Amino acid sequence: MEYSDTLEDIPNIGISIASDLRSLGIINSKQLARRDPLQTYFALAAVVGLRHDRCALYTLISAQHYLPSGEAIPWWKFTEQGKKLLAAHPKGNL
């Protein structure tokens, strides 16, 4: 998979979430591909000062799926996977 220099080129990543990712120092798709979606979700809360809606986690999971495979799937298809990740993590119910 060829990585893009622009986060917004990743399906389901819009201007807002791309901006939030840049606040973490994630400026391109190659950097995002190396990040764990759940840890990135929690890191966003620390930087932005509030916890994002769970949909942001589902979006990060969808990006993590897309980057190695090239298969674009709507973020809401990752709802169950995201819920399981949150349920299994100590911070998941905060």
C-alpha atoms as a PDB file:
ATOM      1  CA  MET A   1       0.000   0.000   0.000  1.00  0.00           C
ATOM      2  CA  GLU A   2       1.324   3.413  -0.910  1.00  0.00           C
ATOM      3  CA  TYR A   3       0.855   5.919   1.877  1.00  0.00           C
ATOM      4  CA  SER A   4      -0.455   9.418   1.310  1.00  0.00           C
ATOM      5  CA  ASP A   5       1.078  12.546   2.738  1.00  0.00           C
ATOM      6  CA  THR A   6      -2.389  13.911   3.456  1.00  0.00           C
ATOM      7  CA  LEU A   7      -4.487  12.474   6.271  1.00  0.00           C
ATOM      8  CA  GLU A   8      -7.666  13.637   4.568  1.00  0.00           C
ATOM      9  CA  ASP A   9      -6.941  11.219   1.694  1.00  0.00           C
ATOM     10  CA  ILE A  10      -7.754   8.353   4.069  1.00  0.00           C
ATOM     11  CA  PRO A  11     -11.425   7.342   3.834  1.00  0.00           C
ATOM     12  CA  ASN A  12     -13.469   8.527   6.846  1.00  0.00           C
ATOM     13  CA  ILE A  13     -10.784  11.030   7.953  1.00  0.00           C
ATOM     14  CA  GLY A  14     -12.135  14.541   7.586  1.00  0.00           C
ATOM     15  CA  ILE A  15     -10.731  17.971   8.310  1.00  0.00           C
ATOM     16  CA  SER A  16     -11.600  17.922  12.022  1.00  0.00           C
ATOM     17  CA  ILE A  17     -10.122  14.538  12.950  1.00  0.00           C
ATOM     18  CA  ALA A  18      -7.092  15.236  10.730  1.00  0.00           C
ATOM     19  CA  SER A  19      -6.514  18.460  12.655  1.00  0.00           C
ATOM     20  CA  ASP A  20      -6.781  16.604  15.957  1.00  0.00           C
ATOM     21  CA  LEU A  21      -4.325  13.962  14.750  1.00  0.00           C
ATOM     22  CA  ARG A  22      -1.862  16.674  13.743  1.00  0.00           C
ATOM     23  CA  SER A  23      -2.035  18.007  17.306  1.00  0.00           C
ATOM     24  CA  LEU A  24      -0.547  14.618  18.300  1.00  0.00           C
ATOM     25  CA  GLY A  25       2.224  15.005  15.739  1.00  0.00           C
ATOM     26  CA  ILE A  26       0.597  12.594  13.284  1.00  0.00           C
ATOM     27  CA  ILE A  27       0.906  14.405   9.994  1.00  0.00           C
ATOM     28  CA  ASN A  28       0.666  11.667   7.372  1.00  0.00           C
ATOM     29  CA  SER A  29      -0.845   8.267   6.762  1.00  0.00           C
ATOM     30  CA  LYS A  30       2.417   6.397   7.331  1.00  0.00           C
ATOM     31  CA  GLN A  31       2.601   7.771  10.881  1.00  0.00           C
ATOM     32  CA  LEU A  32      -1.049   6.920  11.515  1.00  0.00           C
ATOM     33  CA  ALA A  33      -0.518   3.367  10.241  1.00  0.00           C
ATOM     34  CA  ARG A  34       2.016   2.789  13.023  1.00  0.00           C
ATOM     35  CA  ARG A  35      -0.344   3.940  15.769  1.00  0.00           C
ATOM     36  CA  ASP A  36      -2.757   1.832  17.788  1.00  0.00           C
ATOM     37  CA  PRO A  37      -6.296   3.203  17.268  1.00  0.00           C
ATOM     38  CA  LEU A  38      -7.334   2.871  20.925  1.00  0.00           C
ATOM     39  CA  GLN A  39      -4.170   4.495  22.259  1.00  0.00           C
ATOM     40  CA  THR A  40      -4.527   7.277  19.690  1.00  0.00           C
ATOM     41  CA  TYR A  41      -8.136   7.806  20.790  1.00  0.00           C
ATOM     42  CA  PHE A  42      -7.061   8.207  24.423  1.00  0.00           C
ATOM     43  CA  ALA A  43      -4.120  10.431  23.427  1.00  0.00           C
ATOM     44  CA  LEU A  44      -6.521  12.733  21.585  1.00  0.00           C
ATOM     45  CA  ALA A  45      -8.493  13.197  24.789  1.00  0.00           C
ATOM     46  CA  ALA A  46      -5.329  14.183  26.642  1.00  0.00           C
ATOM     47  CA  VAL A  47      -4.275  16.733  24.004  1.00  0.00           C
ATOM     48  CA  VAL A  48      -7.683  18.164  23.163  1.00  0.00           C
ATOM     49  CA  GLY A  49      -8.820  18.235  26.782  1.00  0.00           C
ATOM     50  CA  LEU A  50     -11.983  16.214  26.344  1.00  0.00           C
ATOM     51  CA  ARG A  51     -12.887  12.733  25.319  1.00  0.00           C
ATOM     52  CA  HIS A  52     -13.998  12.406  21.739  1.00  0.00           C
ATOM     53  CA  ASP A  53     -17.191  10.668  20.809  1.00  0.00           C
ATOM     54  CA  ARG A  54     -16.693   6.928  20.343  1.00  0.00           C
ATOM     55  CA  CYS A  55     -17.256   7.463  16.628  1.00  0.00           C
ATOM     56  CA  ALA A  56     -13.748   8.939  16.516  1.00  0.00           C
ATOM     57  CA  LEU A  57     -12.398   5.581  17.709  1.00  0.00           C
ATOM     58  CA  TYR A  58     -14.395   3.751  15.056  1.00  0.00           C
ATOM     59  CA  THR A  59     -12.972   6.142  12.474  1.00  0.00           C
ATOM     60  CA  LEU A  60      -9.430   5.416  13.638  1.00  0.00           C
ATOM     61  CA  ILE A  61     -10.084   1.678  13.433  1.00  0.00           C
ATOM     62  CA  SER A  62     -11.454   2.090   9.906  1.00  0.00           C
ATOM     63  CA  ALA A  63      -8.306   4.006   8.928  1.00  0.00           C
ATOM     64  CA  GLN A  64      -6.138   1.287  10.481  1.00  0.00           C
ATOM     65  CA  HIS A  65      -8.011  -1.256   8.359  1.00  0.00           C
ATOM     66  CA  TYR A  66      -7.718   0.812   5.182  1.00  0.00           C
ATOM     67  CA  LEU A  67      -4.032   1.685   5.360  1.00  0.00           C
ATOM     68  CA  PRO A  68      -2.559  -1.791   4.815  1.00  0.00           C
ATOM     69  CA  SER A  69      -5.439  -3.210   2.764  1.00  0.00           C
ATOM     70  CA  GLY A  70      -6.681  -0.319   0.634  1.00  0.00           C
ATOM     71  CA  GLU A  71     -10.220  -1.450   1.453  1.00  0.00           C
ATOM     72  CA  ALA A  72     -12.405   1.534   2.324  1.00  0.00           C
ATOM     73  CA  ILE A  73     -15.203   0.575   4.714  1.00  0.00           C
ATOM     74  CA  PRO A  74     -17.546   3.069   6.420  1.00  0.00           C
ATOM     75  CA  TRP A  75     -16.467   3.870   9.983  1.00  0.00           C
ATOM     76  CA  TRP A  76     -19.752   2.681  11.507  1.00  0.00           C
ATOM     77  CA  LYS A  77     -18.969  -0.864  10.382  1.00  0.00           C
ATOM     78  CA  PHE A  78     -16.282  -0.879  13.106  1.00  0.00           C
ATOM     79  CA  THR A  79     -18.691  -0.053  15.951  1.00  0.00           C
ATOM     80  CA  GLU A  80     -18.694  -3.547  17.473  1.00  0.00           C
ATOM     81  CA  GLN A  81     -14.914  -3.849  17.277  1.00  0.00           C
ATOM     82  CA  GLY A  82     -14.532  -0.453  18.940  1.00  0.00           C
ATOM     83  CA  LYS A  83     -17.006  -1.295  21.693  1.00  0.00           C
ATOM     84  CA  LYS A  84     -15.077  -4.484  22.450  1.00  0.00           C
ATOM     85  CA  LEU A  85     -11.783  -2.578  22.627  1.00  0.00           C
ATOM     86  CA  LEU A  86     -13.269  -0.024  25.017  1.00  0.00           C
ATOM     87  CA  ALA A  87     -14.895  -2.685  27.188  1.00  0.00           C
ATOM     88  CA  ALA A  88     -11.590  -4.521  27.554  1.00  0.00           C
ATOM     89  CA  HIS A  89      -9.580  -1.422  28.494  1.00  0.00           C
ATOM     90  CA  PRO A  90      -9.484   0.079  32.027  1.00  0.00           C
ATOM     91  CA  LYS A  91     -10.055   3.594  30.610  1.00  0.00           C
ATOM     92  CA  GLY A  92     -12.839   2.397  28.346  1.00  0.00           C
ATOM     93  CA  ASN A  93     -15.704   3.203  30.673  1.00  0.00           C
ATOM     94  CA  LEU A  94     -14.474   6.540  31.967  1.00  0.00           C
END
